[in-house]
Amino acid sequence: MRIDEGCAIGAGATIADGVHIGAWSVIGPGAAVSDDVPAHVTVAGIPARIIQRHGRGMRHSALVS
């Protein structure tokens, strides 16, 4: 497993061996990640799917409303 800079991983998330999590991505709580996650996205669910794409300039604090 490789996790790039600035990622946020929610409580209870499961990430399979060999998966790459791209920079500044967000993994939702309880998500089951079995495939690579591109940079600058939010994934959630079982199995994890992209639910939001964010621009390169956004940081996690900008995602919380």
C-alpha atoms as a PDB file:
ATOM      1  CA  MET A   1       0.000   0.000   0.000  1.00  0.00           C
ATOM      2  CA  ARG A   2       1.239   3.507  -0.837  1.00  0.00           C
ATOM      3  CA  ILE A   3      -0.402   6.638   0.577  1.00  0.00           C
ATOM      4  CA  ASP A   4       0.689   9.973  -0.906  1.00  0.00           C
ATOM      5  CA  GLU A   5       0.946  13.385   0.768  1.00  0.00           C
ATOM      6  CA  GLY A   6      -2.056  14.998   2.440  1.00  0.00           C
ATOM      7  CA  CYS A   7      -4.501  12.091   2.413  1.00  0.00           C
ATOM      8  CA  ALA A   8      -7.250  11.813   5.011  1.00  0.00           C
ATOM      9  CA  ILE A   9      -8.502   8.347   5.920  1.00  0.00           C
ATOM     10  CA  GLY A  10     -11.741   7.970   7.849  1.00  0.00           C
ATOM     11  CA  ALA A  11     -12.161   5.738  10.877  1.00  0.00           C
ATOM     12  CA  GLY A  12     -12.783   2.093  10.094  1.00  0.00           C
ATOM     13  CA  ALA A  13     -11.737   2.345   6.444  1.00  0.00           C
ATOM     14  CA  THR A  14     -10.137  -0.777   4.987  1.00  0.00           C
ATOM     15  CA  ILE A  15      -7.471  -0.472   2.297  1.00  0.00           C
ATOM     16  CA  ALA A  16      -6.301  -3.599   0.462  1.00  0.00           C
ATOM     17  CA  ASP A  17      -2.605  -4.452   0.072  1.00  0.00           C
ATOM     18  CA  GLY A  18      -0.978  -2.980  -3.013  1.00  0.00           C
ATOM     19  CA  VAL A  19      -3.447  -0.095  -3.362  1.00  0.00           C
ATOM     20  CA  HIS A  20      -2.131   3.401  -4.155  1.00  0.00           C
ATOM     21  CA  ILE A  21      -3.952   6.393  -2.614  1.00  0.00           C
ATOM     22  CA  GLY A  22      -3.235   9.576  -4.602  1.00  0.00           C
ATOM     23  CA  ALA A  23      -2.233  12.888  -3.027  1.00  0.00           C
ATOM     24  CA  TRP A  24      -4.839  14.942  -1.150  1.00  0.00           C
ATOM     25  CA  SER A  25      -7.528  12.282  -1.490  1.00  0.00           C
ATOM     26  CA  VAL A  26     -10.130  11.580   1.167  1.00  0.00           C
ATOM     27  CA  ILE A  27     -11.227   8.065   2.126  1.00  0.00           C
ATOM     28  CA  GLY A  28     -14.643   8.063   3.804  1.00  0.00           C
ATOM     29  CA  PRO A  29     -15.194   6.346   7.145  1.00  0.00           C
ATOM     30  CA  GLY A  30     -15.891   2.638   6.793  1.00  0.00           C
ATOM     31  CA  ALA A  31     -14.959   2.600   3.090  1.00  0.00           C
ATOM     32  CA  ALA A  32     -13.587  -0.599   1.577  1.00  0.00           C
ATOM     33  CA  VAL A  33     -10.867   0.398  -0.895  1.00  0.00           C
ATOM     34  CA  SER A  34      -9.738  -2.383  -3.245  1.00  0.00           C
ATOM     35  CA  ASP A  35      -8.610  -0.315  -6.272  1.00  0.00           C
ATOM     36  CA  ASP A  36      -6.166   2.574  -6.672  1.00  0.00           C
ATOM     37  CA  VAL A  37      -7.576   6.007  -5.775  1.00  0.00           C
ATOM     38  CA  PRO A  38      -6.533   8.944  -7.974  1.00  0.00           C
ATOM     39  CA  ALA A  39      -5.287  12.224  -6.510  1.00  0.00           C
ATOM     40  CA  HIS A  40      -7.745  14.938  -5.432  1.00  0.00           C
ATOM     41  CA  VAL A  41     -10.894  12.836  -5.005  1.00  0.00           C
ATOM     42  CA  THR A  42     -13.175  11.684  -2.213  1.00  0.00           C
ATOM     43  CA  VAL A  43     -14.176   8.019  -2.149  1.00  0.00           C
ATOM     44  CA  ALA A  44     -16.769   6.327   0.034  1.00  0.00           C
ATOM     45  CA  GLY A  45     -18.814   3.164   0.291  1.00  0.00           C
ATOM     46  CA  ILE A  46     -18.442  -0.584   0.001  1.00  0.00           C
ATOM     47  CA  PRO A  47     -16.835  -0.970  -2.424  1.00  0.00           C
ATOM     48  CA  ALA A  48     -15.310   2.526  -2.423  1.00  0.00           C
ATOM     49  CA  ARG A  49     -16.323   4.716  -5.367  1.00  0.00           C
ATOM     50  CA  ILE A  50     -15.467   8.298  -6.282  1.00  0.00           C
ATOM     51  CA  ILE A  51     -18.169  10.605  -4.936  1.00  0.00           C
ATOM     52  CA  GLN A  52     -16.410  13.941  -5.440  1.00  0.00           C
ATOM     53  CA  ARG A  53     -13.501  15.422  -7.394  1.00  0.00           C
ATOM     54  CA  HIS A  54     -11.734  18.497  -6.042  1.00  0.00           C
ATOM     55  CA  GLY A  55      -9.281  20.939  -7.550  1.00  0.00           C
ATOM     56  CA  ARG A  56      -5.586  20.772  -6.872  1.00  0.00           C
ATOM     57  CA  GLY A  57      -5.656  23.929  -4.731  1.00  0.00           C
ATOM     58  CA  MET A  58      -8.245  22.607  -2.262  1.00  0.00           C
ATOM     59  CA  ARG A  59      -7.233  21.185   1.077  1.00  0.00           C
ATOM     60  CA  HIS A  60      -9.289  19.068   3.437  1.00  0.00           C
ATOM     61  CA  SER A  61     -10.439  22.038   5.501  1.00  0.00           C
ATOM     62  CA  ALA A  62     -12.117  23.416   2.368  1.00  0.00           C
ATOM     63  CA  LEU A  63     -14.068  20.154   1.983  1.00  0.00           C
ATOM     64  CA  VAL A  64     -15.704  20.309   5.400  1.00  0.00           C
ATOM     65  CA  SER A  65     -18.860  22.376   5.479  1.00  0.00           C
END
